[in-house]
N, C-alpha and C. Protein backbone atom coordinates (compact mmCIF):
# COMPACT_ATOMS: atom_id res chain seq x y z
N MET A 1 -2.43 -22.33 5.89
CA MET A 1 -2.29 -21.18 5.00
C MET A 1 -3.23 -20.07 5.48
N PRO A 2 -2.75 -18.84 5.49
CA PRO A 2 -3.59 -17.71 5.93
C PRO A 2 -4.78 -17.51 5.00
N GLU A 3 -5.87 -16.97 5.57
CA GLU A 3 -7.02 -16.62 4.75
C GLU A 3 -6.63 -15.49 3.80
N PRO A 4 -7.25 -15.42 2.62
CA PRO A 4 -6.91 -14.34 1.69
C PRO A 4 -7.29 -12.97 2.23
N VAL A 5 -6.53 -11.99 1.85
CA VAL A 5 -6.80 -10.59 2.17
C VAL A 5 -6.68 -9.78 0.88
N PHE A 6 -7.25 -8.60 0.88
CA PHE A 6 -7.14 -7.68 -0.24
C PHE A 6 -6.32 -6.49 0.23
N VAL A 7 -5.28 -6.16 -0.52
CA VAL A 7 -4.34 -5.12 -0.11
C VAL A 7 -4.31 -4.00 -1.15
N SER A 8 -4.33 -2.77 -0.67
CA SER A 8 -4.19 -1.62 -1.57
C SER A 8 -3.42 -0.51 -0.87
N ILE A 9 -2.91 0.39 -1.69
CA ILE A 9 -2.17 1.56 -1.21
C ILE A 9 -3.01 2.79 -1.53
N LEU A 10 -3.29 3.58 -0.49
CA LEU A 10 -4.11 4.79 -0.64
C LEU A 10 -3.25 6.02 -0.40
N PRO A 11 -3.72 7.19 -0.85
CA PRO A 11 -3.06 8.43 -0.44
C PRO A 11 -3.08 8.51 1.09
N GLY A 12 -2.01 9.00 1.69
CA GLY A 12 -1.87 9.04 3.14
C GLY A 12 -3.05 9.67 3.86
N ASN A 13 -3.55 8.97 4.88
CA ASN A 13 -4.63 9.45 5.74
C ASN A 13 -5.91 9.81 4.99
N GLN A 14 -6.15 9.11 3.87
CA GLN A 14 -7.37 9.35 3.10
C GLN A 14 -8.07 8.01 2.84
N PRO A 15 -8.70 7.44 3.87
CA PRO A 15 -9.29 6.11 3.73
C PRO A 15 -10.40 6.00 2.69
N SER A 16 -11.04 7.09 2.33
CA SER A 16 -12.11 7.01 1.33
C SER A 16 -11.63 7.32 -0.08
N ALA A 17 -10.34 7.62 -0.24
CA ALA A 17 -9.80 7.95 -1.57
C ALA A 17 -9.65 6.70 -2.43
N ALA A 18 -9.60 6.92 -3.72
CA ALA A 18 -9.34 5.81 -4.65
C ALA A 18 -7.92 5.30 -4.43
N ALA A 19 -7.75 4.01 -4.61
CA ALA A 19 -6.43 3.40 -4.41
C ALA A 19 -5.43 3.91 -5.44
N LEU A 20 -4.21 4.18 -4.97
CA LEU A 20 -3.11 4.47 -5.88
C LEU A 20 -2.65 3.18 -6.55
N ILE A 21 -2.66 2.11 -5.76
CA ILE A 21 -2.27 0.78 -6.23
C ILE A 21 -3.19 -0.23 -5.58
N ASP A 22 -3.69 -1.16 -6.38
CA ASP A 22 -4.55 -2.23 -5.85
C ASP A 22 -3.87 -3.56 -6.16
N PHE A 23 -3.42 -4.25 -5.13
CA PHE A 23 -2.75 -5.53 -5.30
C PHE A 23 -3.75 -6.68 -5.42
N GLY A 24 -5.03 -6.40 -5.21
CA GLY A 24 -6.03 -7.45 -5.30
C GLY A 24 -5.89 -8.46 -4.18
N GLN A 25 -6.41 -9.65 -4.43
CA GLN A 25 -6.40 -10.70 -3.41
C GLN A 25 -5.00 -11.26 -3.23
N GLN A 26 -4.60 -11.39 -1.97
CA GLN A 26 -3.32 -11.98 -1.60
C GLN A 26 -3.58 -13.16 -0.67
N SER A 27 -2.90 -14.27 -0.90
CA SER A 27 -3.16 -15.43 -0.06
C SER A 27 -1.94 -15.84 0.76
N GLY A 28 -0.82 -15.21 0.57
CA GLY A 28 0.37 -15.54 1.34
C GLY A 28 0.45 -14.71 2.61
N SER A 29 1.55 -14.88 3.32
CA SER A 29 1.74 -14.14 4.57
C SER A 29 2.62 -12.92 4.38
N GLN A 30 3.04 -12.63 3.15
CA GLN A 30 3.82 -11.42 2.89
C GLN A 30 3.57 -10.93 1.47
N LEU A 31 3.89 -9.67 1.23
CA LEU A 31 3.73 -9.05 -0.07
C LEU A 31 4.97 -8.20 -0.33
N THR A 32 5.60 -8.40 -1.45
CA THR A 32 6.75 -7.58 -1.83
C THR A 32 6.28 -6.55 -2.83
N TRP A 33 6.59 -5.28 -2.55
CA TRP A 33 6.18 -4.19 -3.42
C TRP A 33 7.41 -3.41 -3.82
N THR A 34 7.74 -3.40 -5.11
CA THR A 34 8.77 -2.51 -5.63
C THR A 34 8.08 -1.17 -5.81
N VAL A 35 8.39 -0.25 -4.93
CA VAL A 35 7.64 1.00 -4.82
C VAL A 35 7.72 1.78 -6.14
N ASN A 36 6.56 2.18 -6.61
CA ASN A 36 6.47 2.89 -7.88
C ASN A 36 5.68 4.19 -7.74
N VAL A 37 5.85 4.85 -6.60
CA VAL A 37 5.31 6.19 -6.39
C VAL A 37 6.48 7.11 -6.03
N THR A 38 6.32 8.36 -6.28
CA THR A 38 7.38 9.34 -6.09
C THR A 38 7.77 9.49 -4.63
N ALA A 39 9.07 9.59 -4.39
CA ALA A 39 9.57 9.87 -3.04
C ALA A 39 8.89 11.12 -2.51
N GLY A 40 8.57 11.10 -1.23
CA GLY A 40 7.89 12.22 -0.59
C GLY A 40 6.38 12.05 -0.55
N THR A 41 5.85 11.05 -1.26
CA THR A 41 4.41 10.78 -1.27
C THR A 41 4.00 10.12 0.04
N SER A 42 2.93 10.59 0.62
CA SER A 42 2.38 9.98 1.83
C SER A 42 1.39 8.90 1.42
N VAL A 43 1.55 7.69 1.99
CA VAL A 43 0.67 6.58 1.64
C VAL A 43 0.15 5.89 2.90
N THR A 44 -1.00 5.25 2.75
CA THR A 44 -1.61 4.44 3.79
C THR A 44 -1.90 3.08 3.19
N TYR A 45 -1.58 2.03 3.94
CA TYR A 45 -1.87 0.67 3.51
C TYR A 45 -3.26 0.28 4.00
N LYS A 46 -4.04 -0.32 3.12
CA LYS A 46 -5.39 -0.79 3.46
C LYS A 46 -5.43 -2.30 3.27
N VAL A 47 -5.89 -3.02 4.29
CA VAL A 47 -6.02 -4.47 4.22
C VAL A 47 -7.45 -4.84 4.60
N VAL A 48 -8.09 -5.62 3.73
CA VAL A 48 -9.46 -6.08 3.98
C VAL A 48 -9.41 -7.61 4.04
N ASP A 49 -9.92 -8.19 5.14
CA ASP A 49 -9.90 -9.65 5.25
C ASP A 49 -11.10 -10.27 4.56
N SER A 50 -11.16 -11.59 4.56
CA SER A 50 -12.21 -12.32 3.84
C SER A 50 -13.61 -12.08 4.40
N LYS A 51 -13.70 -11.54 5.61
CA LYS A 51 -14.99 -11.24 6.23
C LYS A 51 -15.40 -9.78 6.02
N GLY A 52 -14.54 -9.00 5.33
CA GLY A 52 -14.85 -7.61 5.08
C GLY A 52 -14.33 -6.64 6.12
N ASN A 53 -13.61 -7.15 7.13
CA ASN A 53 -13.01 -6.27 8.14
C ASN A 53 -11.86 -5.50 7.50
N THR A 54 -11.83 -4.20 7.73
CA THR A 54 -10.83 -3.33 7.11
C THR A 54 -9.90 -2.75 8.15
N ASN A 55 -8.61 -2.67 7.81
CA ASN A 55 -7.62 -2.07 8.70
C ASN A 55 -6.70 -1.19 7.87
N TYR A 56 -6.29 -0.08 8.46
CA TYR A 56 -5.39 0.87 7.82
C TYR A 56 -4.19 1.08 8.73
N ASN A 57 -3.03 1.37 8.14
CA ASN A 57 -1.90 1.77 8.96
C ASN A 57 -1.87 3.29 9.04
N SER A 58 -1.07 3.82 9.94
CA SER A 58 -0.83 5.25 9.95
C SER A 58 -0.06 5.61 8.69
N ALA A 59 -0.25 6.79 8.19
CA ALA A 59 0.41 7.19 6.95
C ALA A 59 1.93 7.14 7.11
N VAL A 60 2.60 6.74 6.04
CA VAL A 60 4.05 6.74 5.98
C VAL A 60 4.46 7.50 4.73
N THR A 61 5.66 8.06 4.75
CA THR A 61 6.16 8.82 3.61
C THR A 61 7.18 7.98 2.86
N VAL A 62 7.00 7.87 1.56
CA VAL A 62 7.94 7.12 0.72
C VAL A 62 9.26 7.87 0.70
N GLN A 63 10.32 7.15 1.01
CA GLN A 63 11.66 7.74 1.06
C GLN A 63 12.39 7.54 -0.26
N PRO A 64 13.31 8.44 -0.61
CA PRO A 64 14.07 8.26 -1.85
C PRO A 64 14.97 7.04 -1.76
N GLY A 65 15.19 6.41 -2.89
CA GLY A 65 16.08 5.25 -2.96
C GLY A 65 17.13 5.49 -4.03
N THR A 66 18.05 4.56 -4.15
CA THR A 66 19.15 4.72 -5.10
C THR A 66 18.90 4.00 -6.41
N ASP A 67 17.84 3.19 -6.50
CA ASP A 67 17.63 2.42 -7.71
C ASP A 67 16.30 2.71 -8.40
N SER A 68 15.80 3.93 -8.27
CA SER A 68 14.53 4.27 -8.87
C SER A 68 14.62 5.55 -9.68
N CYS A 69 13.91 5.58 -10.79
CA CYS A 69 13.86 6.80 -11.59
C CYS A 69 12.78 7.74 -11.07
N LEU A 70 12.08 7.33 -9.99
CA LEU A 70 10.99 8.14 -9.45
C LEU A 70 11.42 9.00 -8.26
N ASN A 71 12.71 9.00 -7.90
CA ASN A 71 13.15 9.78 -6.76
C ASN A 71 12.87 11.27 -6.97
N ALA A 72 12.53 11.94 -5.90
CA ALA A 72 12.31 13.38 -5.96
C ALA A 72 13.63 14.07 -6.25
N ALA A 73 13.60 15.08 -7.06
CA ALA A 73 14.84 15.80 -7.41
C ALA A 73 15.24 16.77 -6.32
């Protein structure tokens, strides 16, 4: 089983910003997120391992979907 990690979603390219979403400790090898931020929002994923090592992805933009009330008009 993988070591636990802590996962959060930050505003895009803002590693010191407060998390938009904090998933807390995760112990599996995947995480399913039903996106609950507005389409067009730039986000960065932050993952911290059990030793405190932190990694960020490059910012991505949330795309509109067909099953959300949060889509941009």
